[in-house]
PDB file of N, CA and C in Angstrom:
ATOM      1  N   MET A   1      15.276  -3.586  -9.014  1.00  0.00           N
ATOM      2  CA  MET A   1      14.161  -3.542  -8.079  1.00  0.00           C
ATOM      3  C   MET A   1      13.035  -4.464  -8.556  1.00  0.00           C
ATOM      4  N   ILE A   2      12.397  -5.070  -7.586  1.00  0.00           N
ATOM      5  CA  ILE A   2      11.260  -5.947  -7.846  1.00  0.00           C
ATOM      6  C   ILE A   2       9.996  -5.177  -7.463  1.00  0.00           C
ATOM      7  N   LEU A   3       8.907  -5.415  -8.167  1.00  0.00           N
ATOM      8  CA  LEU A   3       7.643  -4.754  -7.855  1.00  0.00           C
ATOM      9  C   LEU A   3       6.745  -5.701  -7.056  1.00  0.00           C
ATOM     10  N   TYR A   4       6.054  -5.121  -6.071  1.00  0.00           N
ATOM     11  CA  TYR A   4       5.148  -5.873  -5.207  1.00  0.00           C
ATOM     12  C   TYR A   4       3.827  -5.124  -5.111  1.00  0.00           C
ATOM     13  N   ALA A   5       2.736  -5.829  -5.372  1.00  0.00           N
ATOM     14  CA  ALA A   5       1.398  -5.237  -5.298  1.00  0.00           C
ATOM     15  C   ALA A   5       0.816  -5.489  -3.918  1.00  0.00           C
ATOM     16  N   ALA A   6       0.498  -4.397  -3.233  1.00  0.00           N
ATOM     17  CA  ALA A   6      -0.156  -4.473  -1.928  1.00  0.00           C
ATOM     18  C   ALA A   6      -1.633  -4.166  -2.136  1.00  0.00           C
ATOM     19  N   LEU A   7      -2.462  -5.181  -1.963  1.00  0.00           N
ATOM     20  CA  LEU A   7      -3.909  -5.000  -2.036  1.00  0.00           C
ATOM     21  C   LEU A   7      -4.386  -4.686  -0.630  1.00  0.00           C
ATOM     22  N   LEU A   8      -5.063  -3.560  -0.464  1.00  0.00           N
ATOM     23  CA  LEU A   8      -5.520  -3.108   0.850  1.00  0.00           C
ATOM     24  C   LEU A   8      -7.044  -3.122   0.878  1.00  0.00           C
ATOM     25  N   GLU A   9      -7.597  -4.233   1.327  1.00  0.00           N
ATOM     26  CA  GLU A   9      -9.048  -4.408   1.370  1.00  0.00           C
ATOM     27  C   GLU A   9      -9.633  -3.689   2.584  1.00  0.00           C
ATOM     28  N   MET A  10     -10.658  -2.885   2.350  1.00  0.00           N
ATOM     29  CA  MET A  10     -11.302  -2.123   3.423  1.00  0.00           C
ATOM     30  C   MET A  10     -11.950  -3.068   4.426  1.00  0.00           C
ATOM     31  N   VAL A  11     -11.660  -2.820   5.714  1.00  0.00           N
ATOM     32  CA  VAL A  11     -12.233  -3.613   6.792  1.00  0.00           C
ATOM     33  C   VAL A  11     -13.146  -2.755   7.665  1.00  0.00           C
ATOM     34  N   ASP A  12     -12.704  -1.514   7.937  1.00  0.00           N
ATOM     35  CA  ASP A  12     -13.450  -0.623   8.832  1.00  0.00           C
ATOM     36  C   ASP A  12     -13.427   0.784   8.232  1.00  0.00           C
ATOM     37  N   GLU A  13     -14.439   1.088   7.427  1.00  0.00           N
ATOM     38  CA  GLU A  13     -14.473   2.354   6.683  1.00  0.00           C
ATOM     39  C   GLU A  13     -14.487   3.574   7.609  1.00  0.00           C
ATOM     40  N   GLU A  14     -15.231   3.499   8.695  1.00  0.00           N
ATOM     41  CA  GLU A  14     -15.322   4.631   9.619  1.00  0.00           C
ATOM     42  C   GLU A  14     -13.980   4.926  10.284  1.00  0.00           C
ATOM     43  N   LYS A  15     -13.328   3.900  10.784  1.00  0.00           N
ATOM     44  CA  LYS A  15     -12.015   4.079  11.413  1.00  0.00           C
ATOM     45  C   LYS A  15     -10.969   4.470  10.374  1.00  0.00           C
ATOM     46  N   ASP A  16     -11.103   3.935   9.153  1.00  0.00           N
ATOM     47  CA  ASP A  16     -10.165   4.256   8.083  1.00  0.00           C
ATOM     48  C   ASP A  16     -10.147   5.754   7.802  1.00  0.00           C
ATOM     49  N   GLU A  17     -11.309   6.366   7.846  1.00  0.00           N
ATOM     50  CA  GLU A  17     -11.412   7.812   7.612  1.00  0.00           C
ATOM     51  C   GLU A  17     -10.565   8.593   8.618  1.00  0.00           C
ATOM     52  N   GLN A  18     -10.448   8.062   9.834  1.00  0.00           N
ATOM     53  CA  GLN A  18      -9.692   8.732  10.898  1.00  0.00           C
ATOM     54  C   GLN A  18      -8.184   8.667  10.671  1.00  0.00           C
ATOM     55  N   VAL A  19      -7.700   7.654   9.961  1.00  0.00           N
ATOM     56  CA  VAL A  19      -6.258   7.516   9.729  1.00  0.00           C
ATOM     57  C   VAL A  19      -5.854   7.838   8.294  1.00  0.00           C
ATOM     58  N   LEU A  20      -6.793   8.299   7.489  1.00  0.00           N
ATOM     59  CA  LEU A  20      -6.538   8.540   6.071  1.00  0.00           C
ATOM     60  C   LEU A  20      -5.411   9.542   5.826  1.00  0.00           C
ATOM     61  N   GLU A  21      -5.384  10.642   6.556  1.00  0.00           N
ATOM     62  CA  GLU A  21      -4.339  11.653   6.340  1.00  0.00           C
ATOM     63  C   GLU A  21      -2.959  11.131   6.729  1.00  0.00           C
ATOM     64  N   ILE A  22      -2.895  10.332   7.797  1.00  0.00           N
ATOM     65  CA  ILE A  22      -1.624   9.730   8.207  1.00  0.00           C
ATOM     66  C   ILE A  22      -1.171   8.722   7.143  1.00  0.00           C
ATOM     67  N   HIS A  23      -2.108   7.963   6.609  1.00  0.00           N
ATOM     68  CA  HIS A  23      -1.834   7.016   5.520  1.00  0.00           C
ATOM     69  C   HIS A  23      -1.274   7.764   4.309  1.00  0.00           C
ATOM     70  N   LYS A  24      -1.908   8.855   3.922  1.00  0.00           N
ATOM     71  CA  LYS A  24      -1.440   9.632   2.768  1.00  0.00           C
ATOM     72  C   LYS A  24      -0.043  10.191   3.001  1.00  0.00           C
ATOM     73  N   ALA A  25       0.247  10.654   4.211  1.00  0.00           N
ATOM     74  CA  ALA A  25       1.575  11.183   4.542  1.00  0.00           C
ATOM     75  C   ALA A  25       2.625  10.069   4.480  1.00  0.00           C
ATOM     76  N   TYR A  26       2.259   8.892   4.953  1.00  0.00           N
ATOM     77  CA  TYR A  26       3.156   7.736   4.891  1.00  0.00           C
ATOM     78  C   TYR A  26       3.487   7.414   3.435  1.00  0.00           C
ATOM     79  N   LEU A  27       2.486   7.393   2.587  1.00  0.00           N
ATOM     80  CA  LEU A  27       2.709   7.105   1.172  1.00  0.00           C
ATOM     81  C   LEU A  27       3.549   8.188   0.510  1.00  0.00           C
ATOM     82  N   LYS A  28       3.282   9.440   0.822  1.00  0.00           N
ATOM     83  CA  LYS A  28       4.048  10.566   0.245  1.00  0.00           C
ATOM     84  C   LYS A  28       5.529  10.415   0.575  1.00  0.00           C
ATOM     85  N   LYS A  29       5.826  10.057   1.826  1.00  0.00           N
ATOM     86  CA  LYS A  29       7.225   9.870   2.236  1.00  0.00           C
ATOM     87  C   LYS A  29       7.886   8.790   1.382  1.00  0.00           C
ATOM     88  N   HIS A  30       7.171   7.696   1.125  1.00  0.00           N
ATOM     89  CA  HIS A  30       7.763   6.606   0.354  1.00  0.00           C
ATOM     90  C   HIS A  30       7.756   6.870  -1.151  1.00  0.00           C
ATOM     91  N   ILE A  31       6.864   7.706  -1.617  1.00  0.00           N
ATOM     92  CA  ILE A  31       6.942   8.170  -3.010  1.00  0.00           C
ATOM     93  C   ILE A  31       8.206   9.010  -3.177  1.00  0.00           C
ATOM     94  N   ASP A  32       8.420   9.942  -2.244  1.00  0.00           N
ATOM     95  CA  ASP A  32       9.601  10.803  -2.290  1.00  0.00           C
ATOM     96  C   ASP A  32      10.895  10.002  -2.201  1.00  0.00           C
ATOM     97  N   ASN A  33      10.862   8.866  -1.480  1.00  0.00           N
ATOM     98  CA  ASN A  33      12.045   8.009  -1.336  1.00  0.00           C
ATOM     99  C   ASN A  33      12.213   7.048  -2.513  1.00  0.00           C
ATOM    100  N   GLY A  34      11.252   7.035  -3.434  1.00  0.00           N
ATOM    101  CA  GLY A  34      11.340   6.170  -4.609  1.00  0.00           C
ATOM    102  C   GLY A  34      10.893   4.737  -4.370  1.00  0.00           C
ATOM    103  N   ASN A  35      10.158   4.501  -3.275  1.00  0.00           N
ATOM    104  CA  ASN A  35       9.731   3.140  -2.934  1.00  0.00           C
ATOM    105  C   ASN A  35       8.372   2.755  -3.501  1.00  0.00           C
ATOM    106  N   ILE A  36       7.670   3.694  -4.124  1.00  0.00           N
ATOM    107  CA  ILE A  36       6.335   3.400  -4.650  1.00  0.00           C
ATOM    108  C   ILE A  36       6.299   3.674  -6.148  1.00  0.00           C
ATOM    109  N   TYR A  37       5.845   2.672  -6.898  1.00  0.00           N
ATOM    110  CA  TYR A  37       5.731   2.749  -8.353  1.00  0.00           C
ATOM    111  C   TYR A  37       4.385   3.338  -8.765  1.00  0.00           C
ATOM    112  N   ALA A  38       3.324   2.957  -8.051  1.00  0.00           N
ATOM    113  CA  ALA A  38       1.973   3.443  -8.344  1.00  0.00           C
ATOM    114  C   ALA A  38       1.103   3.226  -7.112  1.00  0.00           C
ATOM    115  N   LYS A  39      -0.001   3.973  -7.035  1.00  0.00           N
ATOM    116  CA  LYS A  39      -0.929   3.818  -5.919  1.00  0.00           C
ATOM    117  C   LYS A  39      -2.278   4.401  -6.294  1.00  0.00           C
ATOM    118  N   GLY A  40      -3.308   3.983  -5.580  1.00  0.00           N
ATOM    119  CA  GLY A  40      -4.620   4.572  -5.792  1.00  0.00           C
ATOM    120  C   GLY A  40      -5.726   3.728  -5.205  1.00  0.00           C
ATOM    121  N   PRO A  41      -6.879   4.378  -4.980  1.00  0.00           N
ATOM    122  CA  PRO A  41      -8.037   3.672  -4.419  1.00  0.00           C
ATOM    123  C   PRO A  41      -8.814   2.948  -5.518  1.00  0.00           C
ATOM    124  N   PHE A  42      -9.549   1.912  -5.102  1.00  0.00           N
ATOM    125  CA  PHE A  42     -10.494   1.285  -6.005  1.00  0.00           C
ATOM    126  C   PHE A  42     -11.737   2.171  -6.079  1.00  0.00           C
ATOM    127  N   THR A  43     -12.313   2.286  -7.247  1.00  0.00           N
ATOM    128  CA  THR A  43     -13.440   3.204  -7.425  1.00  0.00           C
ATOM    129  C   THR A  43     -14.707   2.739  -6.723  1.00  0.00           C
ATOM    130  N   ASP A  44     -14.751   1.477  -6.306  1.00  0.00           N
ATOM    131  CA  ASP A  44     -15.924   1.001  -5.574  1.00  0.00           C
ATOM    132  C   ASP A  44     -15.769   1.167  -4.056  1.00  0.00           C
ATOM    133  N   HIS A  45     -14.695   1.861  -3.634  1.00  0.00           N
ATOM    134  CA  HIS A  45     -14.432   2.164  -2.222  1.00  0.00           C
ATOM    135  C   HIS A  45     -14.159   0.914  -1.385  1.00  0.00           C
ATOM    136  N   SER A  46     -13.718  -0.163  -2.020  1.00  0.00           N
ATOM    137  CA  SER A  46     -13.442  -1.405  -1.304  1.00  0.00           C
ATOM    138  C   SER A  46     -12.005  -1.485  -0.794  1.00  0.00           C
ATOM    139  N   GLY A  47     -11.220  -0.438  -1.035  1.00  0.00           N
ATOM    140  CA  GLY A  47      -9.828  -0.415  -0.604  1.00  0.00           C
ATOM    141  C   GLY A  47      -8.959   0.246  -1.654  1.00  0.00           C
ATOM    142  N   GLY A  48      -7.723  -0.223  -1.754  1.00  0.00           N
ATOM    143  CA  GLY A  48      -6.815   0.383  -2.715  1.00  0.00           C
ATOM    144  C   GLY A  48      -5.660  -0.537  -3.058  1.00  0.00           C
ATOM    145  N   LEU A  49      -4.791  -0.048  -3.941  1.00  0.00           N
ATOM    146  CA  LEU A  49      -3.639  -0.790  -4.425  1.00  0.00           C
ATOM    147  C   LEU A  49      -2.413   0.115  -4.351  1.00  0.00           C
ATOM    148  N   ILE A  50      -1.328  -0.439  -3.845  1.00  0.00           N
ATOM    149  CA  ILE A  50      -0.038   0.249  -3.852  1.00  0.00           C
ATOM    150  C   ILE A  50       0.965  -0.718  -4.464  1.00  0.00           C
ATOM    151  N   ILE A  51       1.743  -0.249  -5.412  1.00  0.00           N
ATOM    152  CA  ILE A  51       2.797  -1.068  -5.986  1.00  0.00           C
ATOM    153  C   ILE A  51       4.127  -0.527  -5.474  1.00  0.00           C
ATOM    154  N   TYR A  52       4.766  -1.331  -4.637  1.00  0.00           N
ATOM    155  CA  TYR A  52       6.043  -0.962  -4.033  1.00  0.00           C
ATOM    156  C   TYR A  52       7.196  -1.449  -4.889  1.00  0.00           C
ATOM    157  N   LYS A  53       8.288  -0.701  -4.868  1.00  0.00           N
ATOM    158  CA  LYS A  53       9.555  -1.125  -5.459  1.00  0.00           C
ATOM    159  C   LYS A  53      10.455  -1.501  -4.290  1.00  0.00           C
ATOM    160  N   ALA A  54      10.966  -2.731  -4.288  1.00  0.00           N
ATOM    161  CA  ALA A  54      11.801  -3.190  -3.182  1.00  0.00           C
ATOM    162  C   ALA A  54      12.788  -4.237  -3.683  1.00  0.00           C
ATOM    163  N   ASN A  55      13.799  -4.493  -2.870  1.00  0.00           N
ATOM    164  CA  ASN A  55      14.813  -5.482  -3.221  1.00  0.00           C
ATOM    165  C   ASN A  55      14.374  -6.910  -2.925  1.00  0.00           C
ATOM    166  N   SER A  56      13.399  -7.075  -2.024  1.00  0.00           N
ATOM    167  CA  SER A  56      12.954  -8.412  -1.642  1.00  0.00           C
ATOM    168  C   SER A  56      11.515  -8.358  -1.135  1.00  0.00           C
ATOM    169  N   TYR A  57      10.908  -9.539  -1.041  1.00  0.00           N
ATOM    170  CA  TYR A  57       9.561  -9.635  -0.481  1.00  0.00           C
ATOM    171  C   TYR A  57       9.552  -9.092   0.942  1.00  0.00           C
ATOM    172  N   ASN A  58      10.558  -9.448   1.736  1.00  0.00           N
ATOM    173  CA  ASN A  58      10.603  -8.984   3.128  1.00  0.00           C
ATOM    174  C   ASN A  58      10.680  -7.468   3.217  1.00  0.00           C
ATOM    175  N   ASP A  59      11.469  -6.845   2.348  1.00  0.00           N
ATOM    176  CA  ASP A  59      11.556  -5.379   2.339  1.00  0.00           C
ATOM    177  C   ASP A  59      10.210  -4.762   1.979  1.00  0.00           C
ATOM    178  N   ALA A  60       9.538  -5.340   0.981  1.00  0.00           N
ATOM    179  CA  ALA A  60       8.224  -4.832   0.576  1.00  0.00           C
ATOM    180  C   ALA A  60       7.203  -5.042   1.689  1.00  0.00           C
ATOM    181  N   MET A  61       7.256  -6.191   2.344  1.00  0.00           N
ATOM    182  CA  MET A  61       6.327  -6.463   3.431  1.00  0.00           C
ATOM    183  C   MET A  61       6.530  -5.476   4.580  1.00  0.00           C
ATOM    184  N   GLU A  62       7.757  -5.140   4.859  1.00  0.00           N
ATOM    185  CA  GLU A  62       8.024  -4.163   5.914  1.00  0.00           C
ATOM    186  C   GLU A  62       7.392  -2.808   5.568  1.00  0.00           C
ATOM    187  N   LEU A  63       7.536  -2.385   4.331  1.00  0.00           N
ATOM    188  CA  LEU A  63       6.916  -1.129   3.891  1.00  0.00           C
ATOM    189  C   LEU A  63       5.399  -1.203   3.998  1.00  0.00           C
ATOM    190  N   ALA A  64       4.821  -2.269   3.468  1.00  0.00           N
ATOM    191  CA  ALA A  64       3.367  -2.399   3.432  1.00  0.00           C
ATOM    192  C   ALA A  64       2.777  -2.588   4.825  1.00  0.00           C
ATOM    193  N   ALA A  65       3.417  -3.390   5.653  1.00  0.00           N
ATOM    194  CA  ALA A  65       2.886  -3.690   6.989  1.00  0.00           C
ATOM    195  C   ALA A  65       2.952  -2.495   7.926  1.00  0.00           C
ATOM    196  N   ASN A  66       3.828  -1.532   7.635  1.00  0.00           N
ATOM    197  CA  ASN A  66       3.948  -0.345   8.478  1.00  0.00           C
ATOM    198  C   ASN A  66       3.067   0.807   8.026  1.00  0.00           C
ATOM    199  N   ASP A  67       2.271   0.587   7.009  1.00  0.00           N
ATOM    200  CA  ASP A  67       1.289   1.589   6.581  1.00  0.00           C
ATOM    201  C   ASP A  67       0.279   1.753   7.721  1.00  0.00           C
ATOM    202  N   PRO A  68      -0.031   2.985   8.104  1.00  0.00           N
ATOM    203  CA  PRO A  68      -0.972   3.212   9.210  1.00  0.00           C
ATOM    204  C   PRO A  68      -2.318   2.505   9.064  1.00  0.00           C
ATOM    205  N   VAL A  69      -2.831   2.343   7.846  1.00  0.00           N
ATOM    206  CA  VAL A  69      -4.124   1.651   7.691  1.00  0.00           C
ATOM    207  C   VAL A  69      -4.015   0.167   8.030  1.00  0.00           C
ATOM    208  N   VAL A  70      -2.835  -0.396   7.835  1.00  0.00           N
ATOM    209  CA  VAL A  70      -2.594  -1.793   8.201  1.00  0.00           C
ATOM    210  C   VAL A  70      -2.368  -1.888   9.708  1.00  0.00           C
ATOM    211  N   LEU A  71      -1.531  -1.008  10.232  1.00  0.00           N
ATOM    212  CA  LEU A  71      -1.245  -1.011  11.674  1.00  0.00           C
ATOM    213  C   LEU A  71      -2.503  -0.796  12.505  1.00  0.00           C
ATOM    214  N   GLN A  72      -3.416   0.054  12.023  1.00  0.00           N
ATOM    215  CA  GLN A  72      -4.644   0.346  12.751  1.00  0.00           C
ATOM    216  C   GLN A  72      -5.760  -0.658  12.461  1.00  0.00           C
ATOM    217  N   GLY A  73      -5.501  -1.591  11.537  1.00  0.00           N
ATOM    218  CA  GLY A  73      -6.472  -2.639  11.234  1.00  0.00           C
ATOM    219  C   GLY A  73      -7.692  -2.180  10.462  1.00  0.00           C
ATOM    220  N   THR A  74      -7.557  -1.043   9.752  1.00  0.00           N
ATOM    221  CA  THR A  74      -8.700  -0.576   8.970  1.00  0.00           C
ATOM    222  C   THR A  74      -8.748  -1.214   7.589  1.00  0.00           C
ATOM    223  N   ARG A  75      -7.610  -1.794   7.173  1.00  0.00           N
ATOM    224  CA  ARG A  75      -7.551  -2.496   5.894  1.00  0.00           C
ATOM    225  C   ARG A  75      -6.741  -3.779   6.046  1.00  0.00           C
ATOM    226  N   LYS A  76      -7.137  -4.791   5.294  1.00  0.00           N
ATOM    227  CA  LYS A  76      -6.447  -6.083   5.295  1.00  0.00           C
ATOM    228  C   LYS A  76      -5.432  -6.086   4.159  1.00  0.00           C
ATOM    229  N   LEU A  77      -4.205  -6.452   4.472  1.00  0.00           N
ATOM    230  CA  LEU A  77      -3.111  -6.447   3.509  1.00  0.00           C
ATOM    231  C   LEU A  77      -2.918  -7.818   2.867  1.00  0.00           C
ATOM    232  N   THR A  78      -2.828  -7.824   1.537  1.00  0.00           N
ATOM    233  CA  THR A  78      -2.361  -8.981   0.780  1.00  0.00           C
ATOM    234  C   THR A  78      -1.231  -8.469  -0.104  1.00  0.00           C
ATOM    235  N   LEU A  79      -0.067  -9.101  -0.029  1.00  0.00           N
ATOM    236  CA  LEU A  79       1.104  -8.647  -0.789  1.00  0.00           C
ATOM    237  C   LEU A  79       1.550  -9.746  -1.743  1.00  0.00           C
ATOM    238  N   LYS A  80       1.750  -9.365  -3.016  1.00  0.00           N
ATOM    239  CA  LYS A  80       2.177 -10.319  -4.040  1.00  0.00           C
ATOM    240  C   LYS A  80       3.241  -9.673  -4.926  1.00  0.00           C
ATOM    241  N   GLU A  81       4.227 -10.482  -5.327  1.00  0.00           N
ATOM    242  CA  GLU A  81       5.192 -10.000  -6.308  1.00  0.00           C
ATOM    243  C   GLU A  81       4.441  -9.773  -7.614  1.00  0.00           C
ATOM    244  N   TRP A  82       4.782  -8.701  -8.307  1.00  0.00           N
ATOM    245  CA  TRP A  82       4.062  -8.318  -9.524  1.00  0.00           C
ATOM    246  C   TRP A  82       5.060  -7.964 -10.613  1.00  0.00           C
ATOM    247  N   ARG A  83       4.728  -8.326 -11.838  1.00  0.00           N
ATOM    248  CA  ARG A  83       5.578  -8.008 -12.977  1.00  0.00           C
ATOM    249  C   ARG A  83       4.776  -7.254 -14.020  1.00  0.00           C
ATOM    250  N   SER A  84       5.277  -6.122 -14.421  1.00  0.00           N
ATOM    251  CA  SER A  84       4.623  -5.348 -15.474  1.00  0.00           C
ATOM    252  C   SER A  84       4.955  -5.945 -16.833  1.00  0.00           C
ATOM    253  N   ASN A  85       3.990  -5.989 -17.714  1.00  0.00           N
ATOM    254  CA  ASN A  85       4.203  -6.458 -19.083  1.00  0.00           C
ATOM    255  C   ASN A  85       4.376  -5.300 -20.052  1.00  0.00           C
ATOM    256  N   LEU A  86       4.577  -4.092 -19.540  1.00  0.00           N
ATOM    257  CA  LEU A  86       4.731  -2.931 -20.403  1.00  0.00           C
ATOM    258  C   LEU A  86       6.115  -2.842 -21.039  1.00  0.00           C
ATOM    259  N   ASP A  87       7.085  -3.504 -20.460  1.00  0.00           N
ATOM    260  CA  ASP A  87       8.473  -3.427 -20.983  1.00  0.00           C
ATOM    261  C   ASP A  87       8.637  -4.208 -22.252  1.00  0.00           C
TER     262      ASP A  87
END
């Protein structure tokens, strides 16, 4: 599996609050399926980071682009392949 970092920059904080629970449920489903390595908000409330595990960039993009916060336009998605140096 390859790791991909999805940077989710906040665009519309008020609207984001309305889809937050759906976003969390979406992430929980993919955590349970083993598709997420790590996730969490930035402490300055500017958005968050999700690290997806996927076989390809396209697979990771499909996961990230279908996140409700991306679909609803409350956050801007930037996706990059990422490599951990912990190994």
